[in-house]
Protein backbone atom coordinates (compact mmCIF):
# COMPACT_ATOMS: atom_id res chain seq x y z
CA MET A 1 0.03 0.04 0.14
CA SER A 2 1.29 3.41 -0.88
CA LYS A 3 2.24 5.95 1.69
CA ALA A 4 0.10 9.04 2.21
CA VAL A 5 2.03 12.07 0.83
CA ALA A 6 0.88 15.58 1.32
CA ILE A 7 0.21 17.55 -2.01
CA PRO A 8 2.22 20.68 -2.02
CA MET A 9 0.10 23.77 -2.70
CA ARG A 10 0.48 25.85 -6.10
CA PRO A 11 2.79 28.67 -5.59
CA SER A 12 1.53 32.11 -6.61
CA ASP A 13 4.51 32.73 -8.93
CA ALA A 14 3.76 29.60 -11.14
CA THR A 15 4.27 30.33 -14.89
CA ALA A 16 1.01 31.02 -16.79
CA SER A 17 1.46 28.24 -19.24
CA GLY A 18 1.96 25.54 -16.54
CA ARG A 19 4.50 23.27 -14.70
CA VAL A 20 5.57 19.94 -16.41
CA LEU A 21 7.19 16.99 -14.94
CA ILE A 22 9.00 14.62 -17.45
CA ILE A 23 9.84 10.99 -16.17
CA ASP A 24 11.84 9.11 -18.67
CA ASP A 25 14.98 7.08 -18.55
CA GLU A 26 16.41 8.28 -21.81
CA HIS A 27 18.41 11.46 -21.55
CA GLU A 28 17.94 12.55 -25.18
CA ILE A 29 14.07 12.18 -24.77
CA ARG A 30 14.02 14.32 -21.68
CA GLU A 31 16.28 17.10 -23.22
CA SER A 32 14.09 17.14 -26.41
CA LEU A 33 10.89 17.31 -24.45
CA GLN A 34 12.37 19.79 -22.04
CA THR A 35 13.45 22.23 -24.84
CA LEU A 36 10.27 21.94 -26.70
CA LEU A 37 8.11 22.86 -23.73
CA GLU A 38 10.34 25.48 -22.50
CA LEU A 39 10.21 27.33 -25.66
CA GLU A 40 6.43 27.40 -25.29
CA GLY A 41 6.59 29.01 -21.91
CA TYR A 42 6.35 26.00 -19.54
CA SER A 43 8.18 25.45 -16.61
CA VAL A 44 9.62 22.02 -16.74
CA THR A 45 11.49 19.51 -14.21
CA THR A 46 12.95 16.27 -15.17
CA ALA A 47 13.49 12.68 -13.58
CA CYS A 48 15.34 9.76 -14.95
CA ASN A 49 13.32 6.87 -13.12
CA GLY A 50 10.05 6.22 -11.29
CA ALA A 51 11.38 6.74 -7.79
CA ASP A 52 13.13 10.22 -8.70
CA GLY A 53 9.74 11.22 -10.62
CA LEU A 54 7.70 10.51 -7.53
CA GLU A 55 9.92 12.37 -5.19
CA GLN A 56 9.83 15.36 -7.55
CA ALA A 57 6.03 15.26 -7.71
CA ALA A 58 5.82 15.17 -3.88
CA ASN A 59 8.27 18.13 -3.49
CA GLU A 60 6.92 20.46 -6.00
CA PRO A 61 3.33 21.06 -7.61
CA HIS A 62 2.74 20.21 -11.26
CA ASP A 63 0.06 20.60 -13.61
CA LEU A 64 1.04 17.73 -15.95
CA VAL A 65 3.36 14.79 -16.04
CA LEU A 66 4.70 13.24 -19.24
CA LEU A 67 5.43 9.66 -18.04
CA ASP A 68 7.37 6.86 -20.08
CA TYR A 69 5.59 3.55 -20.13
CA ALA A 70 8.79 1.44 -19.49
CA LEU A 71 11.09 2.73 -16.81
CA PRO A 72 14.09 0.99 -15.50
CA ASP A 73 13.17 0.79 -11.69
CA MET A 74 9.41 0.27 -11.93
CA ASN A 75 6.62 -0.03 -14.51
CA GLY A 76 5.06 3.36 -15.55
CA MET A 77 1.42 2.05 -14.77
CA GLU A 78 2.90 1.65 -11.26
CA VAL A 79 3.88 5.37 -11.23
CA LEU A 80 0.66 6.44 -12.85
CA ARG A 81 -1.27 4.76 -10.01
CA GLU A 82 0.90 6.17 -7.32
CA LEU A 83 0.48 9.68 -8.76
CA GLN A 84 -3.26 9.30 -9.05
CA GLU A 85 -3.45 8.24 -5.50
CA ARG A 86 -1.68 11.24 -4.34
CA ASP A 87 -3.57 13.77 -6.40
CA CYS A 88 -6.42 12.58 -8.49
CA GLN A 89 -6.81 15.84 -10.36
CA LEU A 90 -3.10 15.60 -11.75
CA ALA A 91 -3.03 15.17 -15.71
CA VAL A 92 -0.65 12.56 -16.85
CA ILE A 93 0.17 11.79 -20.49
CA MET A 94 1.68 8.42 -20.96
CA ILE A 95 4.54 8.01 -23.78
CA THR A 96 5.89 4.77 -25.19
CA ALA A 97 7.74 3.25 -27.89
CA TYR A 98 5.54 0.24 -27.75
CA GLY A 99 2.17 1.63 -28.21
CA THR A 100 -0.64 -0.96 -28.38
CA VAL A 101 -4.28 -0.63 -28.00
CA GLU A 102 -4.40 -2.67 -24.73
CA ASN A 103 -1.70 -0.44 -23.11
CA ALA A 104 -3.56 2.71 -24.24
CA VAL A 105 -6.71 1.58 -22.81
CA SER A 106 -5.13 0.50 -19.54
CA ALA A 107 -3.42 3.66 -19.09
CA ILE A 108 -6.68 5.74 -19.56
CA ARG A 109 -8.53 3.45 -17.16
CA CYS A 110 -6.03 4.28 -14.45
CA GLY A 111 -6.40 7.94 -14.99
CA ALA A 112 -4.11 9.13 -17.73
CA VAL A 113 -5.55 11.81 -20.00
CA ASN A 114 -3.64 10.60 -23.16
CA PHE A 115 -1.20 8.17 -24.58
CA ILE A 116 1.22 9.17 -27.14
CA GLN A 117 3.52 6.94 -29.15
CA LYS A 118 7.20 7.61 -29.92
CA PRO A 119 8.36 9.40 -32.16
CA TRP A 120 5.82 12.07 -31.64
CA ASP A 121 4.45 15.00 -33.59
CA ASN A 122 5.48 18.22 -31.98
CA ASP A 123 2.34 20.11 -32.78
CA LYS A 124 0.03 17.34 -31.65
CA LEU A 125 2.07 16.84 -28.35
CA LEU A 126 1.95 20.61 -27.62
CA ALA A 127 -1.70 20.55 -28.42
CA ASP A 128 -2.27 17.50 -26.06
CA VAL A 129 -0.26 19.17 -23.34
CA GLN A 130 -2.17 22.46 -23.62
CA SER A 131 -5.47 20.83 -23.46
CA ALA A 132 -4.60 18.55 -20.42
CA ILE A 133 -3.34 21.55 -18.45
CA ALA A 134 -6.59 23.43 -19.23
CA THR A 135 -8.69 20.47 -18.16
CA ARG A 136 -6.74 20.30 -14.99
CA ARG A 137 -7.15 23.97 -14.11
CA VAL A 138 -10.85 23.81 -14.75
CA LYS A 139 -11.14 20.92 -12.39
CA GLU A 140 -9.03 22.80 -9.58
CA GLU A 141 -11.34 25.71 -10.02
CA ASN A 142 -14.31 23.61 -9.69
CA VAL A 143 -13.04 22.29 -6.27
CA GLN A 144 -12.03 25.51 -5.00
CA LEU A 145 -15.38 27.11 -5.93
CA LYS A 146 -17.26 24.28 -4.18
CA ARG A 147 -15.26 24.88 -1.12
CA ALA A 148 -16.00 28.57 -1.11
CA LEU A 149 -19.56 28.04 -1.75
CA LYS A 150 -19.74 25.57 1.11
CA GLN A 151 -17.83 28.09 3.42
CA ARG A 152 -20.29 30.84 2.20
CA TYR A 153 -23.35 28.83 2.95
CA ASN A 154 -22.12 28.19 6.50
CA PHE A 155 -22.38 31.95 7.06
CA GLU A 156 -24.55 32.91 4.30
CA HIS A 157 -26.08 36.28 4.16
CA ILE A 158 -24.06 37.30 7.43
CA VAL A 159 -22.30 40.42 6.45
CA GLY A 160 -20.17 42.47 8.95
CA LYS A 161 -16.52 43.73 9.89
CA SER A 162 -17.47 45.46 12.83
CA GLU A 163 -16.12 44.69 16.35
CA PRO A 164 -19.77 43.54 17.69
CA MET A 165 -20.07 41.20 14.67
CA LEU A 166 -16.68 39.72 14.83
CA ARG A 167 -17.34 38.78 18.54
CA VAL A 168 -20.45 37.08 16.99
CA PHE A 169 -18.47 35.10 14.46
CA ASP A 170 -15.95 34.12 16.86
CA LEU A 171 -18.54 32.81 19.39
CA VAL A 172 -20.49 30.99 16.68
CA ALA A 173 -17.38 29.23 15.56
CA GLN A 174 -16.51 28.37 19.04
CA VAL A 175 -19.99 27.09 20.01
CA ALA A 176 -21.12 25.55 16.82
CA PRO A 177 -19.38 22.00 17.19
CA SER A 178 -20.98 21.52 20.62
CA ARG A 179 -24.47 19.97 21.38
CA SER A 180 -25.13 22.76 23.83
CA THR A 181 -28.59 24.64 23.64
CA VAL A 182 -28.00 28.23 22.39
CA LEU A 183 -30.29 31.20 23.06
CA ILE A 184 -30.00 33.92 20.42
CA GLN A 185 -31.04 37.54 21.68
CA GLY A 186 -31.76 40.56 19.49
CA GLU A 187 -34.19 43.09 18.12
CA SER A 188 -36.28 42.04 15.11
CA GLY A 189 -34.52 42.04 11.91
CA THR A 190 -30.98 41.54 13.28
CA GLY A 191 -30.57 38.08 11.53
CA LYS A 192 -31.19 35.65 14.45
CA GLU A 193 -32.24 32.70 12.13
CA LEU A 194 -29.15 33.44 9.86
CA ILE A 195 -27.01 32.98 13.12
CA ALA A 196 -29.01 29.73 14.02
CA LYS A 197 -28.35 28.38 10.44
CA ALA A 198 -24.43 29.17 10.88
CA LEU A 199 -24.34 27.10 14.00
CA HIS A 200 -26.21 24.21 12.37
CA MET A 201 -23.89 24.34 9.25
CA ASN A 202 -20.84 24.52 11.17
CA SER A 203 -21.70 21.56 13.55
CA PRO A 204 -21.57 17.78 13.24
CA ARG A 205 -25.21 17.99 12.40
CA LYS A 206 -24.80 19.87 9.11
CA ASP A 207 -25.94 16.92 6.93
CA ARG A 208 -29.26 16.54 8.90
CA ALA A 209 -32.12 18.76 8.96
CA PHE A 210 -32.31 22.25 10.10
CA VAL A 211 -36.08 22.90 10.98
CA PRO A 212 -37.20 26.54 11.92
CA VAL A 213 -40.40 27.28 13.43
CA ASN A 214 -41.90 30.53 14.37
CA THR A 215 -43.53 29.87 17.78
CA GLY A 216 -45.21 33.15 17.74
CA SER A 217 -47.25 32.84 14.55
CA MET A 218 -49.70 29.96 15.54
CA PRO A 219 -52.03 29.37 18.48
CA ALA A 220 -51.00 27.05 21.24
CA ASP A 221 -52.89 23.80 20.43
CA LEU A 222 -51.61 24.15 16.82
CA LEU A 223 -48.12 24.77 17.81
CA GLU A 224 -47.99 21.73 20.09
CA SER A 225 -49.39 19.49 17.37
CA THR A 226 -46.69 21.01 15.10
CA LEU A 227 -43.99 20.40 17.44
CA PHE A 228 -44.80 16.96 19.03
CA GLY A 229 -47.16 15.58 16.30
CA HIS A 230 -50.30 13.71 16.86
CA VAL A 231 -51.97 10.37 16.56
CA LYS A 232 -55.20 9.71 14.37
CA GLY A 233 -58.26 10.98 16.27
CA ALA A 234 -56.32 13.20 18.81
CA PHE A 235 -58.74 16.00 17.95
CA THR A 236 -61.52 16.30 15.37
CA SER A 237 -59.70 17.11 12.33
CA ALA A 238 -56.74 14.55 13.22
CA ILE A 239 -57.94 12.02 10.28
CA SER A 240 -54.49 10.72 10.42
CA SER A 241 -51.20 10.46 12.47
CA LYS A 242 -48.65 13.02 11.88
CA LYS A 243 -44.95 13.47 12.83
CA GLY A 244 -43.89 16.57 14.83
CA LEU A 245 -41.07 18.78 13.98
CA PHE A 246 -38.97 17.29 16.91
CA GLU A 247 -39.03 13.92 15.06
CA VAL A 248 -38.38 15.71 11.65
CA ALA A 249 -35.13 17.33 13.19
CA ASP A 250 -33.94 14.12 14.89
CA ARG A 251 -30.06 14.20 14.84
CA GLY A 252 -30.47 17.76 13.31
CA THR A 253 -31.25 21.11 14.69
CA LEU A 254 -34.68 22.58 15.85
CA PHE A 255 -34.75 26.45 15.77
CA LEU A 256 -37.56 28.04 17.89
CA ASP A 257 -37.89 31.49 17.09
CA GLU A 258 -39.85 34.00 19.24
CA ILE A 259 -39.83 31.39 22.03
CA GLY A 260 -41.17 34.16 24.69
CA THR A 261 -44.53 34.00 23.09
CA MET A 262 -45.11 30.34 23.93
CA SER A 263 -47.68 29.40 26.33
CA MET A 264 -46.77 28.14 29.85
CA GLU A 265 -48.29 24.58 29.15
CA THR A 266 -46.17 24.44 25.82
CA GLN A 267 -43.04 25.62 27.80
CA ALA A 268 -43.35 22.74 30.38
CA LYS A 269 -43.53 20.14 27.46
CA ILE A 270 -40.28 21.84 25.76
CA LEU A 271 -38.68 21.46 29.04
CA ARG A 272 -39.32 17.86 29.25
CA VAL A 273 -37.91 17.31 25.92
CA LEU A 274 -34.77 19.20 26.71
CA GLN A 275 -34.21 17.36 29.94
CA ASP A 276 -35.26 13.68 28.98
CA ARG A 277 -35.15 13.99 25.15
CA LYS A 278 -38.51 12.42 25.09
CA PHE A 279 -42.13 13.34 24.37
CA MET A 280 -45.35 12.00 23.42
CA HIS A 281 -47.52 12.73 20.46
CA LEU A 282 -50.83 14.46 21.23
CA GLY A 283 -53.30 11.88 22.03
CA GLY A 284 -50.67 9.13 22.06
CA VAL A 285 -49.35 6.85 25.18
CA ASN A 286 -45.86 5.80 23.86
CA GLU A 287 -43.05 8.11 24.28
CA VAL A 288 -40.69 9.09 21.39
CA GLN A 289 -36.79 9.30 21.84
CA VAL A 290 -35.15 12.13 19.75
CA ASP A 291 -31.75 13.59 19.53
CA VAL A 292 -32.31 17.34 18.69
CA ARG A 293 -30.18 20.47 19.25
CA VAL A 294 -32.50 23.33 20.16
CA ILE A 295 -31.55 26.80 19.31
CA ALA A 296 -34.06 29.41 20.58
CA ALA A 297 -34.36 33.04 19.76
CA THR A 298 -35.99 35.98 21.24
CA ASN A 299 -36.39 39.76 20.85
CA VAL A 300 -37.77 40.29 24.35
CA ASP A 301 -36.19 40.21 27.67
CA LEU A 302 -36.89 36.81 29.00
CA ARG A 303 -35.25 37.43 32.59
CA GLN A 304 -37.90 40.14 32.73
CA MET A 305 -40.74 37.74 31.61
CA VAL A 306 -39.45 35.33 34.41
CA ARG A 307 -39.65 37.96 37.08
CA GLU A 308 -43.18 38.70 35.85
CA GLY A 309 -44.04 34.97 35.95
CA LYS A 310 -44.75 35.04 32.17
CA PHE A 311 -41.81 32.63 31.33
CA ARG A 312 -40.79 29.37 33.25
CA GLU A 313 -37.44 29.89 35.31
CA ASP A 314 -36.32 26.45 34.68
CA LEU A 315 -36.88 26.43 30.93
CA PHE A 316 -35.06 29.95 30.67
CA TYR A 317 -31.80 28.29 32.51
CA ARG A 318 -32.29 25.18 30.19
CA LEU A 319 -32.26 27.43 27.02
CA ASN A 320 -29.60 29.96 28.32
CA VAL A 321 -26.75 27.43 28.25
CA ILE A 322 -24.91 29.78 25.84
CA THR A 323 -26.20 33.28 24.73
CA ILE A 324 -25.29 34.88 21.71
CA ASP A 325 -26.35 38.77 21.62
CA LEU A 326 -26.92 40.23 18.18
CA PRO A 327 -26.20 43.93 18.00
CA PRO A 328 -28.72 46.34 16.39
CA LEU A 329 -27.72 47.88 13.13
CA ARG A 330 -27.34 51.32 14.79
CA ASN A 331 -24.58 49.86 16.91
CA ARG A 332 -22.49 48.71 13.76
CA ARG A 333 -22.88 51.40 11.45
CA GLU A 334 -19.74 50.54 9.58
CA ASP A 335 -21.22 47.40 8.34
CA ILE A 336 -23.96 49.42 6.48
CA PRO A 337 -21.91 49.88 3.35
CA LEU A 338 -21.09 46.30 3.21
CA LEU A 339 -24.53 45.26 3.62
CA VAL A 340 -25.66 47.78 1.02
CA ASP A 341 -23.28 46.43 -1.44
CA PHE A 342 -24.41 42.82 -0.63
CA PHE A 343 -27.94 43.49 -1.20
CA LEU A 344 -27.25 45.82 -4.33
CA LYS A 345 -25.84 42.58 -5.97
CA LYS A 346 -28.44 40.17 -4.71
CA PHE A 347 -31.47 42.33 -5.91
CA SER A 348 -29.67 43.36 -9.15
CA GLU A 349 -29.33 39.67 -10.05
CA GLU A 350 -32.81 38.74 -8.95
CA ASN A 351 -34.40 41.42 -11.00
CA GLY A 352 -32.27 40.77 -14.15
CA LYS A 353 -30.69 44.36 -13.95
CA PRO A 354 -27.04 45.45 -14.30
CA LEU A 355 -25.26 45.68 -11.06
CA ARG A 356 -26.38 48.98 -9.22
CA ARG A 357 -23.89 51.56 -7.37
CA MET A 358 -25.18 53.39 -4.26
CA MET A 359 -24.12 56.93 -4.74
CA PRO A 360 -22.54 58.77 -1.97
CA GLU A 361 -25.34 61.04 -1.70
CA ALA A 362 -27.75 58.10 -0.85
CA LEU A 363 -25.36 56.34 1.34
CA HIS A 364 -24.70 59.18 3.80
CA PRO A 365 -28.34 59.43 4.91
CA MET A 366 -28.49 55.79 5.18
CA MET A 367 -25.42 55.79 7.60
CA ASP A 368 -27.25 58.40 9.61
CA TYR A 369 -30.62 56.61 9.93
CA ASP A 370 -31.05 54.66 13.03
CA TRP A 371 -32.64 51.59 11.36
CA PRO A 372 -35.30 50.45 13.85
CA GLY A 373 -36.17 47.51 11.60
CA ASN A 374 -32.33 46.57 11.72
CA VAL A 375 -30.84 44.67 8.62
CA ARG A 376 -34.36 43.43 7.50
CA GLU A 377 -35.42 47.18 7.08
CA LEU A 378 -32.24 47.93 5.06
CA GLU A 379 -32.75 44.95 2.84
CA ASN A 380 -36.16 46.18 1.98
CA VAL A 381 -35.05 49.62 1.31
CA VAL A 382 -32.28 48.38 -1.01
CA GLU A 383 -34.62 46.12 -2.80
CA ARG A 384 -37.05 48.80 -3.44
CA ALA A 385 -34.26 51.16 -4.65
CA VAL A 386 -33.00 48.46 -7.11
CA VAL A 387 -36.68 47.77 -8.34
CA LEU A 388 -37.53 51.46 -8.94
CA SER A 389 -33.95 52.46 -10.39
CA THR A 390 -33.69 53.03 -14.28
CA GLY A 391 -29.83 53.71 -14.29
CA THR A 392 -26.87 52.00 -12.84
CA SER A 393 -26.50 54.28 -9.82
CA VAL A 394 -28.88 54.42 -7.00
CA GLY A 395 -29.56 58.18 -5.86
CA PRO A 396 -31.13 59.56 -2.77
CA ASP A 397 -34.28 60.13 -4.64
CA LEU A 398 -34.94 56.37 -4.62
CA LEU A 399 -34.85 56.21 -0.86
CA PRO A 400 -37.91 56.49 1.30
CA ASP A 401 -38.43 60.26 2.26
CA TYR A 402 -38.18 59.41 6.18
CA ILE A 403 -34.59 58.14 5.77
CA GLY A 404 -33.12 61.34 4.21
CA ARG A 405 -35.14 63.71 6.63
CA ARG A 406 -34.48 61.48 9.87
CA GLY A 407 -30.90 61.16 9.25
CA LEU A 408 -30.11 64.85 8.63
CA SER A 409 -32.61 66.52 11.28
CA ALA A 410 -31.24 63.90 13.98
CA ALA A 411 -27.43 64.91 13.30
CA VAL A 412 -28.55 68.76 13.57
CA LEU A 413 -30.82 68.37 16.51
CA GLU A 414 -28.09 66.17 18.42
CA HIS A 415 -25.53 68.90 17.72
CA ARG A 416 -27.73 71.91 18.49
CA PRO A 417 -30.74 70.75 20.55
CA ASP A 418 -31.81 74.23 21.38
CA ALA A 419 -31.57 75.78 17.86
CA SER A 420 -34.55 77.56 16.34
CA LEU A 421 -36.13 76.29 13.17
CA PHE A 422 -34.38 78.92 11.12
CA GLU A 423 -30.96 77.61 12.60
CA ILE A 424 -31.58 74.38 11.95
CA LEU A 425 -32.56 74.78 8.39
CA GLU A 426 -29.36 76.83 7.87
CA ASP A 427 -27.06 74.17 9.71
CA CYS A 428 -28.80 71.55 7.34
CA GLU A 429 -28.06 73.61 4.40
CA ARG A 430 -24.41 74.14 5.40
CA ARG A 431 -23.81 70.34 6.11
CA VAL A 432 -25.26 69.51 2.72
CA ILE A 433 -23.09 72.06 0.81
CA ASN A 434 -20.12 71.24 2.93
CA ASP A 435 -20.47 67.67 2.07
CA MET A 436 -20.94 68.12 -1.62
CA LEU A 437 -17.59 70.19 -1.77
CA GLU A 438 -16.04 67.43 0.09
CA ARG A 439 -17.12 65.03 -2.63
CA SER A 440 -16.26 67.27 -5.32
CA ASN A 441 -12.71 67.74 -3.86
CA TRP A 442 -13.48 71.32 -3.35
CA ASN A 443 -14.29 72.03 -7.00
CA GLN A 444 -17.15 74.51 -6.70
CA THR A 445 -17.86 74.35 -10.36
CA GLU A 446 -18.35 70.55 -10.25
CA ALA A 447 -20.40 71.00 -6.83
CA ALA A 448 -22.61 73.42 -8.57
CA GLU A 449 -23.29 70.97 -11.57
CA ARG A 450 -24.13 68.10 -9.16
CA PHE A 451 -26.50 70.59 -7.26
CA ARG A 452 -27.93 71.61 -10.62
CA VAL A 453 -27.68 75.21 -9.77
CA PRO A 454 -25.66 78.14 -11.20
CA LEU A 455 -22.18 78.61 -9.99
CA SER A 456 -23.03 82.25 -8.62
CA THR A 457 -25.69 80.79 -6.73
CA LEU A 458 -23.59 78.40 -4.96
CA ASN A 459 -21.04 80.98 -4.33
CA GLN A 460 -23.56 83.13 -2.68
CA LYS A 461 -24.68 80.54 -0.28
CA ILE A 462 -21.11 79.50 0.48
CA LYS A 463 -20.33 83.34 1.55
CA ARG A 464 -23.71 83.65 3.42
CA LEU A 465 -23.08 80.41 5.41
CA ASN A 466 -19.55 81.36 6.11
CA ILE A 467 -18.30 77.90 4.74
CA GLU A 468 -14.42 77.70 4.58
CA ILE A 469 -13.28 76.59 1.11
CA LYS A 470 -10.38 74.23 1.53
CA ARG A 471 -7.63 73.77 -1.08
CA ARG A 472 -8.16 70.90 -3.52
CA GLY A 473 -5.96 67.93 -3.48
CA LYS A 474 -5.07 68.83 -7.19
CA ASP A 475 -5.58 71.66 -9.64
CA ASN A 476 -8.42 72.18 -12.11
């Protein structure tokens, strides 16, 4: 049995044409092939026998191996099998002076991409080498793409580089492999279900079901039937037995959203499942054993509900083994441009439109706005802007009126809480003009054009508002 050998990673300075390893015991053959390939821009290494060739392949990455069928120390087919065991994507072309149909078929079956007989035609050999390397690289790209997509799915739609979100990411990575119950707390629209999915997809249960249920969207009786299932005849409309979501999620993850809305009776049944991993169907007499990881989420203060007698204290502590607190969007404003860019790409693709760009004049009020609906509200605003847009840029005219007005007035009032209406309007005008001048690199002509007013009008406002004109980074 061959010994496992680590495959070396491709260096960033690899030649554009490719790296080729020639394994042949004849010096003239190696020299001839090396000269031919290097003239075409390939990086070439050579080996005079099978053992040397396998060592070269282990020490350096290659795109293609030109392998002699008959070697002095071992059969070329043995070398081929060893190379394929180490790297099944490696392209290998067999070369022999004793070409037979049987040998060619045998080599192809073992993983060779082609079989060439000596003496060869240079043009055909070069064409075969180029084709084999191109195929190899496509396979590599597909593998890398699958890995990237898998990683992206693990944290799908979770965008952020702010410190609060980086802490969340670190906690998710640390907690996900365990089987502990997790309580996710955060305002509506902060992405609690996305975090729950990330926990599931980074856990040993990732190949099993992730089952979400909004416990606040259905009456208590229907919720219990949904969670625990029922037997035929358990109630009037139960014309057949039905599995509950706890059974559907067996060996997977059950996500209970808005858990603070559950009735006390349902809470007691949830507690029993968490304690004993057993439950009974509605109307049933037999216990059902399940292995389910429970992730719960809430946008209310469960501790306060416990103090008020609206939530079971024992269930709270069962759920609150590990807590993940999601920050509201207003506390991670540096993530807003990233989220805007993410949603612009998403909705441009979904609506079959060219990729949209958010203009700075539109992004500025979005940064100032408090986003009470958090990421969900931002997503809806960007979707609306993309759908209504006719050009490639999204301007402030495509934002809801309340965002622009709220953002600017909030900034002014926070700075001057005792200002009169006239002073507030003047301050707003000063901020807008100053911002446009900054964006225009203090080019007043360009700023006037972007405001769609005569240059003289802009100059008059600059003087009246005592706006200091800074030197531009470069001349007109």
